[in-house]
Amino acid sequence: MSRMMSLSSPFLLGFDEIERALDRVAKNASDGYPPYNIERVPRTETLPDRIRITLAVAGFARDELEITIEESQLVIRGRQVDDKTRHYIHRGIAARQFQRTFLLADGMEVLGADLSNGLLSVDLARPEPERVVRKIDIAARE
């Protein structure tokens, strides 16, 4: 049975990529580790309106975290190496790897990242688009 596209209106031309993006997001949303927040940060004198993604990455060092942009996706990876020299009596904090992916809209820019007190914050901004009006000439065909 074929799946009916939710964006199949004849007035929505060229939006098939959005359907695929929604499928990708749904697949990535199932894992809850590490927990994260997404917040809107208001404009300041020097910075535009921003979106801040904050991940709880307690136990990860800066060199065990990696942030990349791959095909319009923000990918945050954490890789911890298990320390074989330690002998635990109880181990409740696992050395765990993760990958968290966020789909970025066209034009989104990563302004920077910060690791402080076990929280990794990544700031994103979308530049204000220019308002462009373009006249299309109509050709006469006979």
C-alpha atoms as a PDB file:
ATOM      1  CA  MET A   1       0.000   0.000   0.000  1.00  0.00           C
ATOM      2  CA  SER A   2       1.486   3.348  -0.981  1.00  0.00           C
ATOM      3  CA  ARG A   3       1.613   6.161   1.522  1.00  0.00           C
ATOM      4  CA  MET A   4      -0.294   9.305   0.636  1.00  0.00           C
ATOM      5  CA  MET A   5       1.893  12.386   0.839  1.00  0.00           C
ATOM      6  CA  SER A   6       0.627  15.030   3.255  1.00  0.00           C
ATOM      7  CA  LEU A   7       2.030  17.803   1.067  1.00  0.00           C
ATOM      8  CA  SER A   8       0.264  16.691  -2.136  1.00  0.00           C
ATOM      9  CA  SER A   9      -1.760  19.855  -2.723  1.00  0.00           C
ATOM     10  CA  PRO A  10      -1.380  21.180  -6.287  1.00  0.00           C
ATOM     11  CA  PHE A  11      -0.553  24.586  -4.767  1.00  0.00           C
ATOM     12  CA  LEU A  12       2.532  23.260  -2.949  1.00  0.00           C
ATOM     13  CA  LEU A  13       5.073  22.925  -5.733  1.00  0.00           C
ATOM     14  CA  GLY A  14       8.568  21.634  -4.977  1.00  0.00           C
ATOM     15  CA  PHE A  15       7.877  20.711  -1.347  1.00  0.00           C
ATOM     16  CA  ASP A  16       8.656  16.984  -1.710  1.00  0.00           C
ATOM     17  CA  GLU A  17      11.968  17.578   0.121  1.00  0.00           C
ATOM     18  CA  ILE A  18      10.006  18.641   3.198  1.00  0.00           C
ATOM     19  CA  GLU A  19       8.212  15.297   3.246  1.00  0.00           C
ATOM     20  CA  ARG A  20      11.555  13.464   3.220  1.00  0.00           C
ATOM     21  CA  ALA A  21      12.908  15.773   5.937  1.00  0.00           C
ATOM     22  CA  LEU A  22       9.918  15.030   8.163  1.00  0.00           C
ATOM     23  CA  ASP A  23      10.534  11.300   7.725  1.00  0.00           C
ATOM     24  CA  ARG A  24      14.198  11.755   8.738  1.00  0.00           C
ATOM     25  CA  VAL A  25      13.258  13.770  11.807  1.00  0.00           C
ATOM     26  CA  ALA A  26      10.731  11.155  12.918  1.00  0.00           C
ATOM     27  CA  LYS A  27      13.381   8.416  12.718  1.00  0.00           C
ATOM     28  CA  ASN A  28      15.911  10.417  14.772  1.00  0.00           C
ATOM     29  CA  ALA A  29      13.455  11.426  17.516  1.00  0.00           C
ATOM     30  CA  SER A  30      13.225   7.985  19.137  1.00  0.00           C
ATOM     31  CA  ASP A  31      16.453   8.089  21.207  1.00  0.00           C
ATOM     32  CA  GLY A  32      16.240  10.244  24.329  1.00  0.00           C
ATOM     33  CA  TYR A  33      19.973  10.419  25.093  1.00  0.00           C
ATOM     34  CA  PRO A  34      21.364  12.913  25.732  1.00  0.00           C
ATOM     35  CA  PRO A  35      18.477  15.110  26.864  1.00  0.00           C
ATOM     36  CA  TYR A  36      18.365  18.550  25.275  1.00  0.00           C
ATOM     37  CA  ASN A  37      16.576  21.909  25.293  1.00  0.00           C
ATOM     38  CA  ILE A  38      15.856  24.231  22.393  1.00  0.00           C
ATOM     39  CA  GLU A  39      15.232  27.872  23.244  1.00  0.00           C
ATOM     40  CA  ARG A  40      14.808  31.166  21.473  1.00  0.00           C
ATOM     41  CA  VAL A  41      17.370  33.767  22.579  1.00  0.00           C
ATOM     42  CA  PRO A  42      16.381  37.403  21.980  1.00  0.00           C
ATOM     43  CA  ARG A  43      18.442  39.815  19.925  1.00  0.00           C
ATOM     44  CA  THR A  44      21.188  41.821  21.620  1.00  0.00           C
ATOM     45  CA  GLU A  45      23.130  44.844  20.418  1.00  0.00           C
ATOM     46  CA  THR A  46      25.753  42.623  18.787  1.00  0.00           C
ATOM     47  CA  LEU A  47      23.864  39.392  17.994  1.00  0.00           C
ATOM     48  CA  PRO A  48      20.662  38.630  16.055  1.00  0.00           C
ATOM     49  CA  ASP A  49      17.730  36.547  17.316  1.00  0.00           C
ATOM     50  CA  ARG A  50      19.103  33.077  17.940  1.00  0.00           C
ATOM     51  CA  ILE A  51      18.055  29.523  18.570  1.00  0.00           C
ATOM     52  CA  ARG A  52      20.106  27.757  21.244  1.00  0.00           C
ATOM     53  CA  ILE A  53      20.307  23.982  21.472  1.00  0.00           C
ATOM     54  CA  THR A  54      21.614  22.829  24.865  1.00  0.00           C
ATOM     55  CA  LEU A  55      22.576  19.185  25.437  1.00  0.00           C
ATOM     56  CA  ALA A  56      23.285  17.622  28.837  1.00  0.00           C
ATOM     57  CA  VAL A  57      26.696  16.026  28.243  1.00  0.00           C
ATOM     58  CA  ALA A  58      27.986  15.566  31.792  1.00  0.00           C
ATOM     59  CA  GLY A  59      31.146  13.482  31.838  1.00  0.00           C
ATOM     60  CA  PHE A  60      32.213  14.392  28.292  1.00  0.00           C
ATOM     61  CA  ALA A  61      35.382  16.384  27.759  1.00  0.00           C
ATOM     62  CA  ARG A  62      35.639  18.958  24.976  1.00  0.00           C
ATOM     63  CA  ASP A  63      37.801  16.639  22.844  1.00  0.00           C
ATOM     64  CA  GLU A  64      35.201  13.844  23.131  1.00  0.00           C
ATOM     65  CA  LEU A  65      32.531  15.993  21.442  1.00  0.00           C
ATOM     66  CA  GLU A  66      32.234  16.832  17.762  1.00  0.00           C
ATOM     67  CA  ILE A  67      29.849  19.206  15.976  1.00  0.00           C
ATOM     68  CA  THR A  68      29.526  19.056  12.190  1.00  0.00           C
ATOM     69  CA  ILE A  69      27.134  20.191   9.488  1.00  0.00           C
ATOM     70  CA  GLU A  70      26.380  17.411   7.021  1.00  0.00           C
ATOM     71  CA  GLU A  71      23.913  17.940   4.166  1.00  0.00           C
ATOM     72  CA  SER A  72      21.865  20.621   5.966  1.00  0.00           C
ATOM     73  CA  GLN A  73      21.914  18.696   9.238  1.00  0.00           C
ATOM     74  CA  LEU A  74      23.588  19.730  12.465  1.00  0.00           C
ATOM     75  CA  VAL A  75      25.191  16.559  13.834  1.00  0.00           C
ATOM     76  CA  ILE A  76      26.485  16.435  17.415  1.00  0.00           C
ATOM     77  CA  ARG A  77      28.493  13.361  18.407  1.00  0.00           C
ATOM     78  CA  GLY A  78      29.938  12.288  21.708  1.00  0.00           C
ATOM     79  CA  ARG A  79      32.498   9.492  22.043  1.00  0.00           C
ATOM     80  CA  GLN A  80      33.847   8.460  25.425  1.00  0.00           C
ATOM     81  CA  VAL A  81      36.601   5.924  25.836  1.00  0.00           C
ATOM     82  CA  ASP A  82      36.185   3.474  28.693  1.00  0.00           C
ATOM     83  CA  ASP A  83      39.071   3.905  31.147  1.00  0.00           C
ATOM     84  CA  LYS A  84      40.390   0.373  31.734  1.00  0.00           C
ATOM     85  CA  THR A  85      42.623   1.492  34.623  1.00  0.00           C
ATOM     86  CA  ARG A  86      39.646   2.205  36.895  1.00  0.00           C
ATOM     87  CA  HIS A  87      38.103  -0.542  39.028  1.00  0.00           C
ATOM     88  CA  TYR A  88      34.510   0.345  39.885  1.00  0.00           C
ATOM     89  CA  ILE A  89      32.650  -0.914  42.950  1.00  0.00           C
ATOM     90  CA  HIS A  90      29.436   0.435  41.436  1.00  0.00           C
ATOM     91  CA  ARG A  91      29.089   1.860  37.946  1.00  0.00           C
ATOM     92  CA  GLY A  92      26.002   3.946  37.299  1.00  0.00           C
ATOM     93  CA  ILE A  93      27.562   6.358  34.793  1.00  0.00           C
ATOM     94  CA  ALA A  94      28.271   4.533  31.567  1.00  0.00           C
ATOM     95  CA  ALA A  95      30.871   5.578  29.017  1.00  0.00           C
ATOM     96  CA  ARG A  96      28.345   6.021  26.264  1.00  0.00           C
ATOM     97  CA  GLN A  97      28.461   7.249  22.690  1.00  0.00           C
ATOM     98  CA  PHE A  98      25.726   9.335  21.124  1.00  0.00           C
ATOM     99  CA  GLN A  99      24.753  11.094  17.949  1.00  0.00           C
ATOM    100  CA  ARG A 100      22.056  13.774  17.954  1.00  0.00           C
ATOM    101  CA  THR A 101      20.913  15.206  14.604  1.00  0.00           C
ATOM    102  CA  PHE A 102      18.953  18.397  13.939  1.00  0.00           C
ATOM    103  CA  LEU A 103      17.656  19.275  10.475  1.00  0.00           C
ATOM    104  CA  LEU A 104      18.495  22.876   9.538  1.00  0.00           C
ATOM    105  CA  ALA A 105      16.332  25.109   7.363  1.00  0.00           C
ATOM    106  CA  ASP A 106      17.975  26.800   4.390  1.00  0.00           C
ATOM    107  CA  GLY A 107      20.050  29.767   5.467  1.00  0.00           C
ATOM    108  CA  MET A 108      20.547  28.679   9.102  1.00  0.00           C
ATOM    109  CA  GLU A 109      24.040  29.420  10.361  1.00  0.00           C
ATOM    110  CA  VAL A 110      25.894  28.015  13.353  1.00  0.00           C
ATOM    111  CA  LEU A 111      27.260  30.968  15.312  1.00  0.00           C
ATOM    112  CA  GLY A 112      29.267  28.942  17.813  1.00  0.00           C
ATOM    113  CA  ALA A 113      29.309  26.355  20.576  1.00  0.00           C
ATOM    114  CA  ASP A 114      30.176  26.418  24.252  1.00  0.00           C
ATOM    115  CA  LEU A 115      30.770  23.685  26.855  1.00  0.00           C
ATOM    116  CA  SER A 116      30.204  24.739  30.462  1.00  0.00           C
ATOM    117  CA  ASN A 117      29.175  22.806  33.597  1.00  0.00           C
ATOM    118  CA  GLY A 118      28.275  19.676  31.632  1.00  0.00           C
ATOM    119  CA  LEU A 119      26.069  21.551  29.163  1.00  0.00           C
ATOM    120  CA  LEU A 120      26.941  21.901  25.483  1.00  0.00           C
ATOM    121  CA  SER A 121      25.230  24.926  23.909  1.00  0.00           C
ATOM    122  CA  VAL A 122      25.101  25.527  20.165  1.00  0.00           C
ATOM    123  CA  ASP A 123      23.788  28.869  18.895  1.00  0.00           C
ATOM    124  CA  LEU A 124      22.101  29.135  15.508  1.00  0.00           C
ATOM    125  CA  ALA A 125      20.770  32.125  13.583  1.00  0.00           C
ATOM    126  CA  ARG A 126      18.884  32.686  10.387  1.00  0.00           C
ATOM    127  CA  PRO A 127      19.855  35.837   8.507  1.00  0.00           C
ATOM    128  CA  GLU A 128      16.945  38.106   7.624  1.00  0.00           C
ATOM    129  CA  PRO A 129      15.913  37.320   4.051  1.00  0.00           C
ATOM    130  CA  GLU A 130      15.741  40.089   1.496  1.00  0.00           C
ATOM    131  CA  ARG A 131      12.268  40.876   0.250  1.00  0.00           C
ATOM    132  CA  VAL A 132      12.542  40.492  -3.513  1.00  0.00           C
ATOM    133  CA  VAL A 133       9.780  41.253  -5.982  1.00  0.00           C
ATOM    134  CA  ARG A 134      10.525  40.252  -9.545  1.00  0.00           C
ATOM    135  CA  LYS A 135       8.277  40.909 -12.509  1.00  0.00           C
ATOM    136  CA  ILE A 136       7.860  38.092 -15.006  1.00  0.00           C
ATOM    137  CA  ASP A 137       7.297  39.196 -18.599  1.00  0.00           C
ATOM    138  CA  ILE A 138       4.566  37.416 -20.495  1.00  0.00           C
ATOM    139  CA  ALA A 139       5.579  36.288 -23.976  1.00  0.00           C
ATOM    140  CA  ALA A 140       3.071  36.572 -26.806  1.00  0.00           C
ATOM    141  CA  ARG A 141       2.713  33.344 -28.827  1.00  0.00           C
ATOM    142  CA  GLU A 142       0.601  33.118 -31.911  1.00  0.00           C
END
